[in-house]
Amino acid sequence: MRRMSDPAYVSESQDRLHCENIEPITQLCDSLEDTDKGPIPYVDPALDVDEARILVLTSAPGPGTASGFLSHENDDDASERLLRVFSSAGLDPKYTIPWLVHPWTQEDYALNLTKERIATGVKPFNRFLKRVPRVVAIIAHGGESQKLIKAFSSTIGGSALAAKAIKVFNAPALHTQSANRKFTPEELEDQMVETYGQAMRLCGIRPLVSGS
């Protein structure tokens, strides 16, 4: 499998940003551009707004997004961890789509978010959710993601999640700098595998068999 560390793969991905399967998200990212807040990575065009059933919500652009993309194929520890979790759960990545609490890249790819920065992510999250109409589950990785869901639900989101029958699953943070120190990395990954398994059952996604 090619990774975003391959310049040819990155170039190919850039050429596909306006393909029908990802165009609504590309347009959203373009509309959110703000030089004062920082650049926004595009969502990997290998994914598909109509295939997506599980929304993977994390805090902010990490070092892997130096590729220019928010992607499970980025060359960083968090992406490696997520792909291991998908593999252990038997989840085909095509059924997922990533988004960020604060979609703008912070200085030195910092992942800590103030209350104000979490609040600025509410409206973009609402707009993103409208562009992935078949999402049934949201995996909220880490405290910032869970705070965003709470802020969304108590403000402009209202009863939107309930009305669309979208279930939110809380999960540990993917990035080691945000990880829960009460558990080992292996224990945290086991928790994630279980959480994704629950989401898959909710969505009616059958696990891949070994070798698929």
N, C-alpha and C. Protein backbone atom coordinates (compact mmCIF):
# COMPACT_ATOMS: atom_id res chain seq x y z
N MET A 1 0.85 -1.19 0.00
CA MET A 1 0.00 0.00 0.00
C MET A 1 0.89 1.24 0.00
N ARG A 2 0.64 2.16 -0.91
CA ARG A 2 1.44 3.38 -0.97
C ARG A 2 1.03 4.33 0.15
N ARG A 3 1.99 5.11 0.59
CA ARG A 3 1.76 6.03 1.69
C ARG A 3 1.93 7.47 1.22
N MET A 4 1.44 8.39 2.03
CA MET A 4 1.57 9.80 1.70
C MET A 4 3.01 10.29 1.76
N SER A 5 3.94 9.43 2.18
CA SER A 5 5.35 9.80 2.14
C SER A 5 5.93 9.65 0.74
N ASP A 6 5.14 9.06 -0.17
CA ASP A 6 5.55 8.89 -1.56
C ASP A 6 5.12 10.11 -2.36
N PRO A 7 6.05 10.92 -2.85
CA PRO A 7 5.68 12.14 -3.58
C PRO A 7 4.76 11.88 -4.77
N ALA A 8 4.94 10.75 -5.44
CA ALA A 8 4.08 10.43 -6.58
C ALA A 8 2.64 10.19 -6.12
N TYR A 9 2.49 9.56 -4.97
CA TYR A 9 1.16 9.30 -4.43
C TYR A 9 0.50 10.62 -4.00
N VAL A 10 1.29 11.51 -3.40
CA VAL A 10 0.77 12.82 -3.01
C VAL A 10 0.31 13.60 -4.24
N SER A 11 1.12 13.59 -5.29
CA SER A 11 0.77 14.29 -6.52
C SER A 11 -0.51 13.73 -7.12
N GLU A 12 -0.62 12.42 -7.13
CA GLU A 12 -1.83 11.77 -7.66
C GLU A 12 -3.04 12.17 -6.83
N SER A 13 -2.86 12.24 -5.52
CA SER A 13 -3.96 12.62 -4.63
C SER A 13 -4.39 14.06 -4.88
N GLN A 14 -3.43 14.94 -5.11
CA GLN A 14 -3.75 16.33 -5.41
C GLN A 14 -4.59 16.44 -6.69
N ASP A 15 -4.28 15.60 -7.66
CA ASP A 15 -5.01 15.62 -8.93
C ASP A 15 -6.45 15.13 -8.76
N ARG A 16 -6.71 14.40 -7.68
CA ARG A 16 -8.03 13.80 -7.48
C ARG A 16 -8.92 14.57 -6.53
N LEU A 17 -8.45 15.72 -6.06
CA LEU A 17 -9.19 16.46 -5.03
C LEU A 17 -10.58 16.91 -5.46
N HIS A 18 -10.76 17.07 -6.78
CA HIS A 18 -12.07 17.54 -7.25
C HIS A 18 -12.89 16.42 -7.91
N CYS A 19 -12.51 15.19 -7.63
CA CYS A 19 -13.33 14.07 -8.10
C CYS A 19 -14.63 14.04 -7.30
N GLU A 20 -15.66 13.50 -7.91
CA GLU A 20 -17.00 13.55 -7.31
C GLU A 20 -17.06 12.95 -5.92
N ASN A 21 -16.26 11.91 -5.66
CA ASN A 21 -16.33 11.21 -4.37
C ASN A 21 -15.88 12.05 -3.19
N ILE A 22 -15.08 13.11 -3.44
CA ILE A 22 -14.54 13.90 -2.33
C ILE A 22 -14.75 15.41 -2.53
N GLU A 23 -15.26 15.81 -3.67
CA GLU A 23 -15.44 17.23 -4.01
C GLU A 23 -16.15 18.05 -2.92
N PRO A 24 -17.23 17.54 -2.30
CA PRO A 24 -17.91 18.36 -1.27
C PRO A 24 -16.99 18.71 -0.11
N ILE A 25 -16.09 17.80 0.26
CA ILE A 25 -15.19 18.06 1.38
C ILE A 25 -14.06 19.00 0.94
N THR A 26 -13.58 18.84 -0.28
CA THR A 26 -12.56 19.74 -0.81
C THR A 26 -13.08 21.17 -0.84
N GLN A 27 -14.31 21.34 -1.28
CA GLN A 27 -14.91 22.67 -1.31
C GLN A 27 -15.02 23.26 0.09
N LEU A 28 -15.37 22.41 1.05
CA LEU A 28 -15.46 22.88 2.44
C LEU A 28 -14.09 23.36 2.93
N CYS A 29 -13.06 22.55 2.69
CA CYS A 29 -11.71 22.94 3.12
C CYS A 29 -11.29 24.26 2.49
N ASP A 30 -11.57 24.42 1.20
CA ASP A 30 -11.22 25.67 0.52
C ASP A 30 -11.95 26.86 1.14
N SER A 31 -13.20 26.66 1.51
CA SER A 31 -14.00 27.76 2.06
C SER A 31 -13.55 28.15 3.46
N LEU A 32 -12.85 27.24 4.14
CA LEU A 32 -12.41 27.51 5.51
C LEU A 32 -11.01 28.10 5.57
N GLU A 33 -10.38 28.29 4.43
CA GLU A 33 -9.02 28.85 4.41
C GLU A 33 -8.99 30.19 5.13
N ASP A 34 -8.01 30.32 6.02
CA ASP A 34 -7.87 31.54 6.81
C ASP A 34 -6.40 31.69 7.16
N THR A 35 -5.76 32.67 6.58
CA THR A 35 -4.31 32.83 6.80
C THR A 35 -3.98 33.11 8.26
N ASP A 36 -4.90 33.68 9.01
CA ASP A 36 -4.65 33.98 10.42
C ASP A 36 -4.73 32.73 11.29
N LYS A 37 -5.49 31.73 10.85
CA LYS A 37 -5.67 30.53 11.66
C LYS A 37 -4.70 29.41 11.27
N GLY A 38 -4.17 29.45 10.06
CA GLY A 38 -3.27 28.40 9.61
C GLY A 38 -3.85 27.60 8.47
N PRO A 39 -3.01 26.84 7.77
CA PRO A 39 -3.48 26.04 6.63
C PRO A 39 -4.36 24.87 7.06
N ILE A 40 -5.18 24.42 6.13
CA ILE A 40 -6.07 23.28 6.38
C ILE A 40 -5.68 22.13 5.45
N PRO A 41 -5.39 20.95 6.00
CA PRO A 41 -5.11 19.81 5.12
C PRO A 41 -6.40 19.33 4.46
N TYR A 42 -6.29 18.89 3.23
CA TYR A 42 -7.44 18.30 2.54
C TYR A 42 -7.67 16.87 3.03
N VAL A 43 -8.90 16.40 2.89
CA VAL A 43 -9.20 15.01 3.21
C VAL A 43 -8.79 14.13 2.04
N ASP A 44 -8.17 13.02 2.36
CA ASP A 44 -7.65 12.08 1.37
C ASP A 44 -8.72 11.73 0.32
N PRO A 45 -8.46 12.01 -0.96
CA PRO A 45 -9.45 11.72 -2.01
C PRO A 45 -9.61 10.23 -2.31
N ALA A 46 -8.84 9.38 -1.65
CA ALA A 46 -9.07 7.94 -1.78
C ALA A 46 -10.35 7.53 -1.06
N LEU A 47 -10.85 8.42 -0.19
CA LEU A 47 -12.07 8.15 0.56
C LEU A 47 -13.28 8.69 -0.20
N ASP A 48 -14.48 8.39 0.31
CA ASP A 48 -15.69 8.67 -0.46
C ASP A 48 -16.81 9.10 0.47
N VAL A 49 -17.40 10.26 0.21
CA VAL A 49 -18.45 10.76 1.09
C VAL A 49 -19.68 9.85 1.11
N ASP A 50 -19.90 9.09 0.05
CA ASP A 50 -21.06 8.20 0.01
C ASP A 50 -20.78 6.84 0.65
N GLU A 51 -19.53 6.44 0.69
CA GLU A 51 -19.16 5.17 1.34
C GLU A 51 -19.02 5.33 2.85
N ALA A 52 -18.69 6.53 3.30
CA ALA A 52 -18.37 6.75 4.71
C ALA A 52 -19.54 6.44 5.63
N ARG A 53 -19.26 5.60 6.62
CA ARG A 53 -20.25 5.26 7.65
C ARG A 53 -19.75 5.68 9.03
N ILE A 54 -18.41 5.73 9.19
CA ILE A 54 -17.81 6.04 10.48
C ILE A 54 -16.94 7.27 10.35
N LEU A 55 -17.25 8.30 11.12
CA LEU A 55 -16.48 9.53 11.12
C LEU A 55 -15.41 9.44 12.21
N VAL A 56 -14.16 9.57 11.82
CA VAL A 56 -13.04 9.49 12.76
C VAL A 56 -12.66 10.92 13.14
N LEU A 57 -13.01 11.33 14.36
CA LEU A 57 -12.80 12.71 14.79
C LEU A 57 -11.61 12.81 15.73
N THR A 58 -10.61 13.61 15.35
CA THR A 58 -9.44 13.83 16.18
C THR A 58 -9.25 15.33 16.39
N SER A 59 -8.23 15.70 17.16
CA SER A 59 -8.14 17.08 17.65
C SER A 59 -7.73 18.12 16.61
N ALA A 60 -6.52 17.99 16.04
CA ALA A 60 -5.98 19.03 15.15
C ALA A 60 -4.97 18.39 14.22
N PRO A 61 -4.59 19.08 13.13
CA PRO A 61 -3.61 18.50 12.21
C PRO A 61 -2.29 18.18 12.91
N GLY A 62 -1.87 16.92 12.82
CA GLY A 62 -0.61 16.50 13.40
C GLY A 62 0.51 16.51 12.38
N PRO A 63 1.71 16.07 12.76
CA PRO A 63 2.87 16.10 11.86
C PRO A 63 2.64 15.38 10.54
N GLY A 64 1.83 14.33 10.54
CA GLY A 64 1.59 13.58 9.31
C GLY A 64 0.93 14.40 8.23
N THR A 65 0.20 15.45 8.63
CA THR A 65 -0.50 16.26 7.63
C THR A 65 0.43 17.22 6.90
N ALA A 66 1.73 17.11 7.17
CA ALA A 66 2.70 17.84 6.34
C ALA A 66 2.59 17.40 4.89
N SER A 67 1.97 16.25 4.67
CA SER A 67 1.69 15.77 3.31
C SER A 67 0.71 16.68 2.58
N GLY A 68 -0.03 17.48 3.36
CA GLY A 68 -1.09 18.31 2.79
C GLY A 68 -2.45 17.66 2.90
N PHE A 69 -2.47 16.44 3.51
CA PHE A 69 -3.71 15.68 3.57
C PHE A 69 -3.99 15.16 4.98
N LEU A 70 -5.26 15.10 5.29
CA LEU A 70 -5.75 14.39 6.46
C LEU A 70 -6.07 12.99 5.97
N SER A 71 -5.21 12.04 6.34
CA SER A 71 -5.29 10.72 5.72
C SER A 71 -4.82 9.62 6.66
N HIS A 72 -5.47 8.46 6.55
CA HIS A 72 -5.01 7.28 7.28
C HIS A 72 -3.67 6.80 6.73
N GLU A 73 -3.30 7.32 5.56
CA GLU A 73 -2.07 6.89 4.91
C GLU A 73 -0.89 7.83 5.20
N ASN A 74 -1.06 8.77 6.11
CA ASN A 74 0.04 9.65 6.46
C ASN A 74 1.16 8.88 7.17
N ASP A 75 2.35 9.46 7.09
CA ASP A 75 3.52 8.80 7.65
C ASP A 75 3.80 9.34 9.05
N ASP A 76 2.95 8.96 10.02
CA ASP A 76 3.16 9.35 11.41
C ASP A 76 2.61 8.27 12.33
N ASP A 77 2.95 8.37 13.60
CA ASP A 77 2.57 7.33 14.56
C ASP A 77 1.06 7.18 14.71
N ALA A 78 0.34 8.30 14.68
CA ALA A 78 -1.11 8.23 14.87
C ALA A 78 -1.78 7.48 13.72
N SER A 79 -1.32 7.73 12.50
CA SER A 79 -1.88 7.03 11.34
C SER A 79 -1.54 5.54 11.38
N GLU A 80 -0.32 5.23 11.78
CA GLU A 80 0.09 3.83 11.92
C GLU A 80 -0.79 3.13 12.95
N ARG A 81 -1.03 3.82 14.05
CA ARG A 81 -1.85 3.23 15.12
C ARG A 81 -3.27 2.99 14.63
N LEU A 82 -3.82 3.97 13.93
CA LEU A 82 -5.20 3.82 13.45
C LEU A 82 -5.33 2.67 12.47
N LEU A 83 -4.36 2.52 11.56
CA LEU A 83 -4.42 1.42 10.61
C LEU A 83 -4.28 0.07 11.31
N ARG A 84 -3.49 0.00 12.39
CA ARG A 84 -3.41 -1.24 13.17
C ARG A 84 -4.76 -1.56 13.80
N VAL A 85 -5.41 -0.53 14.32
CA VAL A 85 -6.73 -0.71 14.93
C VAL A 85 -7.73 -1.19 13.88
N PHE A 86 -7.73 -0.55 12.71
CA PHE A 86 -8.63 -0.99 11.63
C PHE A 86 -8.38 -2.46 11.28
N SER A 87 -7.10 -2.82 11.16
CA SER A 87 -6.76 -4.19 10.80
C SER A 87 -7.23 -5.17 11.86
N SER A 88 -7.03 -4.84 13.12
CA SER A 88 -7.44 -5.74 14.21
C SER A 88 -8.96 -5.86 14.28
N ALA A 89 -9.66 -4.77 13.96
CA ALA A 89 -11.13 -4.80 14.00
C ALA A 89 -11.72 -5.40 12.73
N GLY A 90 -10.88 -5.55 11.69
CA GLY A 90 -11.38 -6.04 10.41
C GLY A 90 -12.16 -4.97 9.66
N LEU A 91 -11.80 -3.72 9.88
CA LEU A 91 -12.52 -2.60 9.26
C LEU A 91 -11.83 -2.13 7.99
N ASP A 92 -12.55 -2.15 6.89
CA ASP A 92 -12.05 -1.60 5.63
C ASP A 92 -12.06 -0.08 5.75
N PRO A 93 -10.90 0.59 5.59
CA PRO A 93 -10.84 2.05 5.73
C PRO A 93 -11.80 2.81 4.82
N LYS A 94 -12.27 2.18 3.75
CA LYS A 94 -13.16 2.89 2.83
C LYS A 94 -14.48 3.30 3.49
N TYR A 95 -14.81 2.65 4.60
CA TYR A 95 -16.04 2.99 5.30
C TYR A 95 -15.86 4.12 6.31
N THR A 96 -14.67 4.68 6.37
CA THR A 96 -14.38 5.74 7.33
C THR A 96 -14.05 7.04 6.62
N ILE A 97 -14.14 8.13 7.38
CA ILE A 97 -13.69 9.42 6.86
C ILE A 97 -13.23 10.27 8.05
N PRO A 98 -12.08 10.94 7.93
CA PRO A 98 -11.56 11.70 9.07
C PRO A 98 -11.97 13.17 9.05
N TRP A 99 -12.05 13.76 10.23
CA TRP A 99 -12.22 15.19 10.37
C TRP A 99 -11.57 15.63 11.67
N LEU A 100 -11.45 16.96 11.86
CA LEU A 100 -10.71 17.51 12.98
C LEU A 100 -11.56 18.49 13.79
N VAL A 101 -11.33 18.50 15.10
CA VAL A 101 -11.99 19.47 15.96
C VAL A 101 -11.62 20.88 15.53
N HIS A 102 -10.33 21.11 15.34
CA HIS A 102 -9.80 22.40 14.89
C HIS A 102 -9.04 22.13 13.59
N PRO A 103 -9.68 22.34 12.44
CA PRO A 103 -9.09 21.90 11.17
C PRO A 103 -7.87 22.70 10.71
N TRP A 104 -7.57 23.80 11.38
CA TRP A 104 -6.43 24.63 10.99
C TRP A 104 -5.15 24.15 11.69
N THR A 105 -4.06 24.09 10.95
CA THR A 105 -2.79 23.62 11.49
C THR A 105 -2.22 24.65 12.47
N GLN A 106 -1.89 24.19 13.66
CA GLN A 106 -1.28 25.05 14.67
C GLN A 106 0.24 25.04 14.52
N GLU A 107 0.88 26.01 15.14
CA GLU A 107 2.33 26.12 15.07
C GLU A 107 3.00 24.84 15.56
N ASP A 108 3.96 24.35 14.79
CA ASP A 108 4.69 23.12 15.12
C ASP A 108 3.76 21.92 15.32
N TYR A 109 2.59 21.98 14.67
CA TYR A 109 1.62 20.89 14.74
C TYR A 109 1.19 20.57 16.17
N ALA A 110 1.06 21.61 16.98
CA ALA A 110 0.59 21.42 18.35
C ALA A 110 -0.82 20.85 18.33
N LEU A 111 -1.10 19.96 19.28
CA LEU A 111 -2.40 19.29 19.30
C LEU A 111 -3.28 19.73 20.46
N ASN A 112 -2.71 20.51 21.39
CA ASN A 112 -3.51 20.99 22.52
C ASN A 112 -4.43 22.11 22.05
N LEU A 113 -5.67 22.05 22.49
CA LEU A 113 -6.65 23.04 22.04
C LEU A 113 -7.27 23.77 23.21
N THR A 114 -7.34 25.09 23.11
CA THR A 114 -8.04 25.88 24.11
C THR A 114 -9.55 25.73 23.92
N LYS A 115 -10.29 26.18 24.90
CA LYS A 115 -11.75 26.16 24.81
C LYS A 115 -12.22 26.97 23.61
N GLU A 116 -11.52 28.08 23.35
CA GLU A 116 -11.90 28.95 22.23
C GLU A 116 -11.68 28.25 20.90
N ARG A 117 -10.57 27.53 20.77
CA ARG A 117 -10.28 26.83 19.51
C ARG A 117 -11.25 25.68 19.29
N ILE A 118 -11.63 25.02 20.36
CA ILE A 118 -12.65 23.97 20.22
C ILE A 118 -13.95 24.60 19.72
N ALA A 119 -14.30 25.76 20.28
CA ALA A 119 -15.54 26.43 19.88
C ALA A 119 -15.53 26.82 18.41
N THR A 120 -14.34 27.21 17.88
CA THR A 120 -14.29 27.61 16.47
C THR A 120 -14.50 26.42 15.54
N GLY A 121 -14.38 25.22 16.08
CA GLY A 121 -14.56 24.04 15.25
C GLY A 121 -15.99 23.56 15.12
N VAL A 122 -16.90 24.15 15.89
CA VAL A 122 -18.29 23.68 15.91
C VAL A 122 -18.97 23.88 14.55
N LYS A 123 -18.89 25.09 13.99
CA LYS A 123 -19.56 25.35 12.71
C LYS A 123 -18.94 24.53 11.57
N PRO A 124 -17.59 24.46 11.46
CA PRO A 124 -17.02 23.59 10.42
C PRO A 124 -17.45 22.13 10.57
N PHE A 125 -17.55 21.65 11.81
CA PHE A 125 -18.00 20.27 12.04
C PHE A 125 -19.43 20.09 11.54
N ASN A 126 -20.27 21.05 11.82
CA ASN A 126 -21.66 20.99 11.36
C ASN A 126 -21.73 20.93 9.83
N ARG A 127 -20.91 21.74 9.18
CA ARG A 127 -20.88 21.75 7.71
C ARG A 127 -20.32 20.44 7.16
N PHE A 128 -19.31 19.90 7.82
CA PHE A 128 -18.74 18.63 7.40
C PHE A 128 -19.77 17.51 7.51
N LEU A 129 -20.47 17.48 8.63
CA LEU A 129 -21.45 16.42 8.88
C LEU A 129 -22.53 16.38 7.81
N LYS A 130 -22.88 17.55 7.29
CA LYS A 130 -23.91 17.61 6.24
C LYS A 130 -23.41 17.05 4.91
N ARG A 131 -22.09 16.93 4.78
CA ARG A 131 -21.50 16.45 3.53
C ARG A 131 -21.19 14.95 3.56
N VAL A 132 -21.47 14.31 4.67
CA VAL A 132 -21.27 12.85 4.76
C VAL A 132 -22.59 12.23 5.21
N PRO A 133 -23.57 12.20 4.31
CA PRO A 133 -24.95 11.88 4.67
C PRO A 133 -25.19 10.46 5.17
N ARG A 134 -24.24 9.54 4.93
CA ARG A 134 -24.46 8.16 5.33
C ARG A 134 -23.70 7.76 6.59
N VAL A 135 -23.09 8.75 7.23
CA VAL A 135 -22.39 8.47 8.49
C VAL A 135 -23.41 8.10 9.57
N VAL A 136 -23.12 7.00 10.27
CA VAL A 136 -23.99 6.50 11.32
C VAL A 136 -23.30 6.57 12.69
N ALA A 137 -21.97 6.54 12.67
CA ALA A 137 -21.21 6.53 13.92
C ALA A 137 -20.09 7.55 13.87
N ILE A 138 -19.82 8.17 15.01
CA ILE A 138 -18.70 9.08 15.17
C ILE A 138 -17.80 8.52 16.27
N ILE A 139 -16.51 8.33 15.94
CA ILE A 139 -15.55 7.93 16.96
C ILE A 139 -14.83 9.19 17.41
N ALA A 140 -15.10 9.65 18.63
CA ALA A 140 -14.51 10.87 19.16
C ALA A 140 -13.25 10.50 19.93
N HIS A 141 -12.09 10.68 19.28
CA HIS A 141 -10.81 10.32 19.89
C HIS A 141 -10.30 11.44 20.78
N GLY A 142 -10.23 11.19 22.08
CA GLY A 142 -9.64 12.14 23.00
C GLY A 142 -10.60 13.19 23.52
N GLY A 143 -10.15 13.90 24.56
CA GLY A 143 -11.00 14.87 25.24
C GLY A 143 -11.48 16.01 24.39
N GLU A 144 -10.62 16.53 23.50
CA GLU A 144 -11.03 17.66 22.66
C GLU A 144 -12.18 17.29 21.74
N SER A 145 -12.11 16.09 21.17
CA SER A 145 -13.19 15.63 20.29
C SER A 145 -14.49 15.48 21.06
N GLN A 146 -14.39 14.95 22.25
CA GLN A 146 -15.59 14.76 23.06
C GLN A 146 -16.18 16.10 23.50
N LYS A 147 -15.30 17.08 23.75
CA LYS A 147 -15.79 18.42 24.10
C LYS A 147 -16.47 19.08 22.90
N LEU A 148 -15.94 18.84 21.71
CA LEU A 148 -16.57 19.42 20.51
C LEU A 148 -17.97 18.85 20.33
N ILE A 149 -18.11 17.55 20.49
CA ILE A 149 -19.43 16.93 20.33
C ILE A 149 -20.41 17.52 21.35
N LYS A 150 -19.94 17.72 22.57
CA LYS A 150 -20.79 18.30 23.60
C LYS A 150 -21.19 19.72 23.24
N ALA A 151 -20.21 20.51 22.76
CA ALA A 151 -20.50 21.89 22.37
C ALA A 151 -21.46 21.94 21.18
N PHE A 152 -21.25 21.04 20.22
CA PHE A 152 -22.12 20.97 19.04
C PHE A 152 -23.55 20.62 19.44
N SER A 153 -23.67 19.61 20.29
CA SER A 153 -24.99 19.13 20.69
C SER A 153 -25.77 20.16 21.50
N SER A 154 -25.03 20.99 22.26
CA SER A 154 -25.69 21.96 23.13
C SER A 154 -25.94 23.30 22.45
N THR A 155 -25.44 23.43 21.21
CA THR A 155 -25.64 24.71 20.49
C THR A 155 -26.33 24.46 19.16
N ILE A 156 -25.60 24.64 18.06
CA ILE A 156 -26.25 24.57 16.75
C ILE A 156 -26.66 23.16 16.36
N GLY A 157 -26.04 22.14 16.98
CA GLY A 157 -26.39 20.77 16.64
C GLY A 157 -27.73 20.35 17.17
N GLY A 158 -28.06 20.90 18.35
CA GLY A 158 -29.33 20.57 18.97
C GLY A 158 -29.54 19.06 19.03
N SER A 159 -30.61 18.62 18.43
CA SER A 159 -30.92 17.18 18.42
C SER A 159 -30.55 16.54 17.09
N ALA A 160 -29.64 17.19 16.34
CA ALA A 160 -29.31 16.71 15.00
C ALA A 160 -28.78 15.28 15.00
N LEU A 161 -27.90 14.97 15.94
CA LEU A 161 -27.33 13.63 15.98
C LEU A 161 -28.43 12.59 16.24
N ALA A 162 -29.31 12.89 17.18
CA ALA A 162 -30.40 11.96 17.49
C ALA A 162 -31.35 11.84 16.31
N ALA A 163 -31.64 12.97 15.65
CA ALA A 163 -32.57 12.96 14.53
C ALA A 163 -32.04 12.10 13.38
N LYS A 164 -30.72 12.10 13.20
CA LYS A 164 -30.11 11.30 12.15
C LYS A 164 -29.69 9.90 12.63
N ALA A 165 -30.00 9.61 13.89
CA ALA A 165 -29.65 8.32 14.50
C ALA A 165 -28.15 8.05 14.44
N ILE A 166 -27.36 9.12 14.67
CA ILE A 166 -25.91 8.99 14.70
C ILE A 166 -25.47 8.77 16.15
N LYS A 167 -24.71 7.71 16.37
CA LYS A 167 -24.23 7.41 17.72
C LYS A 167 -22.77 7.83 17.85
N VAL A 168 -22.46 8.46 18.97
CA VAL A 168 -21.10 8.89 19.26
C VAL A 168 -20.43 7.89 20.19
N PHE A 169 -19.23 7.45 19.81
CA PHE A 169 -18.44 6.54 20.64
C PHE A 169 -17.19 7.28 21.11
N ASN A 170 -16.95 7.33 22.40
CA ASN A 170 -15.74 7.94 22.92
C ASN A 170 -14.60 6.94 22.88
N ALA A 171 -13.42 7.42 22.48
CA ALA A 171 -12.25 6.55 22.36
C ALA A 171 -11.01 7.32 22.81
N PRO A 172 -9.94 6.59 23.17
CA PRO A 172 -8.70 7.27 23.55
C PRO A 172 -8.13 8.09 22.40
N ALA A 173 -7.31 9.08 22.76
CA ALA A 173 -6.64 9.89 21.75
C ALA A 173 -5.67 9.05 20.94
N LEU A 174 -5.55 9.36 19.65
CA LEU A 174 -4.63 8.61 18.79
C LEU A 174 -3.18 9.03 19.00
N HIS A 175 -2.97 10.30 19.30
CA HIS A 175 -1.61 10.81 19.43
C HIS A 175 -1.04 10.49 20.80
N THR A 176 0.18 10.00 20.84
CA THR A 176 0.79 9.59 22.10
C THR A 176 0.92 10.75 23.08
N GLN A 177 1.10 11.98 22.60
CA GLN A 177 1.26 13.10 23.51
C GLN A 177 -0.04 13.44 24.22
N SER A 178 -1.16 12.89 23.71
CA SER A 178 -2.45 13.13 24.34
C SER A 178 -3.00 11.87 25.02
N ALA A 179 -2.22 10.80 24.99
CA ALA A 179 -2.71 9.51 25.45
C ALA A 179 -2.92 9.47 26.96
N ASN A 180 -3.85 8.62 27.37
CA ASN A 180 -4.14 8.39 28.79
C ASN A 180 -3.01 7.60 29.42
N ARG A 181 -2.37 8.18 30.43
CA ARG A 181 -1.20 7.54 31.04
C ARG A 181 -1.57 6.40 31.98
N LYS A 182 -2.86 6.19 32.22
CA LYS A 182 -3.28 5.11 33.11
C LYS A 182 -3.19 3.75 32.43
N PHE A 183 -3.07 3.75 31.12
CA PHE A 183 -3.05 2.50 30.36
C PHE A 183 -1.82 2.44 29.47
N THR A 184 -1.39 1.23 29.16
CA THR A 184 -0.28 1.06 28.23
C THR A 184 -0.78 1.35 26.81
N PRO A 185 0.13 1.64 25.86
CA PRO A 185 -0.29 1.84 24.47
C PRO A 185 -1.08 0.65 23.93
N GLU A 186 -0.68 -0.55 24.32
CA GLU A 186 -1.37 -1.75 23.85
C GLU A 186 -2.78 -1.82 24.40
N GLU A 187 -2.95 -1.44 25.66
CA GLU A 187 -4.29 -1.45 26.25
C GLU A 187 -5.19 -0.41 25.59
N LEU A 188 -4.60 0.75 25.28
CA LEU A 188 -5.38 1.79 24.61
C LEU A 188 -5.82 1.33 23.22
N GLU A 189 -4.93 0.67 22.50
CA GLU A 189 -5.30 0.16 21.17
C GLU A 189 -6.38 -0.90 21.28
N ASP A 190 -6.30 -1.74 22.31
CA ASP A 190 -7.35 -2.75 22.50
C ASP A 190 -8.70 -2.08 22.73
N GLN A 191 -8.69 -0.98 23.49
CA GLN A 191 -9.94 -0.24 23.71
C GLN A 191 -10.49 0.30 22.40
N MET A 192 -9.58 0.82 21.56
CA MET A 192 -10.01 1.36 20.26
C MET A 192 -10.59 0.27 19.38
N VAL A 193 -9.95 -0.89 19.36
CA VAL A 193 -10.45 -2.00 18.54
C VAL A 193 -11.86 -2.37 18.96
N GLU A 194 -12.09 -2.44 20.26
CA GLU A 194 -13.42 -2.78 20.76
C GLU A 194 -14.44 -1.71 20.37
N THR A 195 -14.04 -0.45 20.47
CA THR A 195 -14.93 0.66 20.12
C THR A 195 -15.29 0.63 18.65
N TYR A 196 -14.29 0.43 17.79
CA TYR A 196 -14.57 0.36 16.36
C TYR A 196 -15.43 -0.86 16.03
N GLY A 197 -15.22 -1.95 16.76
CA GLY A 197 -16.06 -3.12 16.55
C GLY A 197 -17.52 -2.82 16.85
N GLN A 198 -17.77 -2.08 17.92
CA GLN A 198 -19.14 -1.69 18.26
C GLN A 198 -19.74 -0.80 17.17
N ALA A 199 -18.93 0.13 16.68
CA ALA A 199 -19.42 1.03 15.62
C ALA A 199 -19.73 0.25 14.35
N MET A 200 -18.88 -0.71 14.03
CA MET A 200 -19.12 -1.53 12.84
C MET A 200 -20.42 -2.30 12.94
N ARG A 201 -20.68 -2.85 14.11
CA ARG A 201 -21.93 -3.60 14.29
C ARG A 201 -23.13 -2.67 14.15
N LEU A 202 -23.02 -1.47 14.68
CA LEU A 202 -24.10 -0.49 14.54
C LEU A 202 -24.35 -0.17 13.06
N CYS A 203 -23.27 -0.02 12.31
CA CYS A 203 -23.36 0.37 10.90
C CYS A 203 -23.66 -0.80 9.97
N GLY A 204 -23.63 -2.00 10.49
CA GLY A 204 -23.85 -3.17 9.65
C GLY A 204 -22.67 -3.49 8.77
N ILE A 205 -21.45 -3.13 9.21
CA ILE A 205 -20.24 -3.41 8.46
C ILE A 205 -19.68 -4.75 8.88
N ARG A 206 -19.54 -5.65 7.95
CA ARG A 206 -19.01 -6.97 8.27
C ARG A 206 -17.49 -6.93 8.29
N PRO A 207 -16.85 -7.51 9.31
CA PRO A 207 -15.38 -7.49 9.39
C PRO A 207 -14.75 -8.21 8.20
N LEU A 208 -13.63 -7.66 7.75
CA LEU A 208 -12.85 -8.34 6.73
C LEU A 208 -12.27 -9.62 7.29
N VAL A 209 -12.18 -10.63 6.48
CA VAL A 209 -11.53 -11.85 6.93
C VAL A 209 -10.07 -11.73 6.62
N SER A 210 -9.25 -12.48 7.34
CA SER A 210 -7.81 -12.42 7.13
C SER A 210 -7.45 -12.71 5.70
N GLY A 211 -6.60 -11.84 5.13
CA GLY A 211 -6.17 -12.04 3.75
C GLY A 211 -7.00 -11.29 2.73
N SER A 212 -8.10 -10.59 3.21
CA SER A 212 -8.94 -9.84 2.26
C SER A 212 -8.28 -8.54 1.88
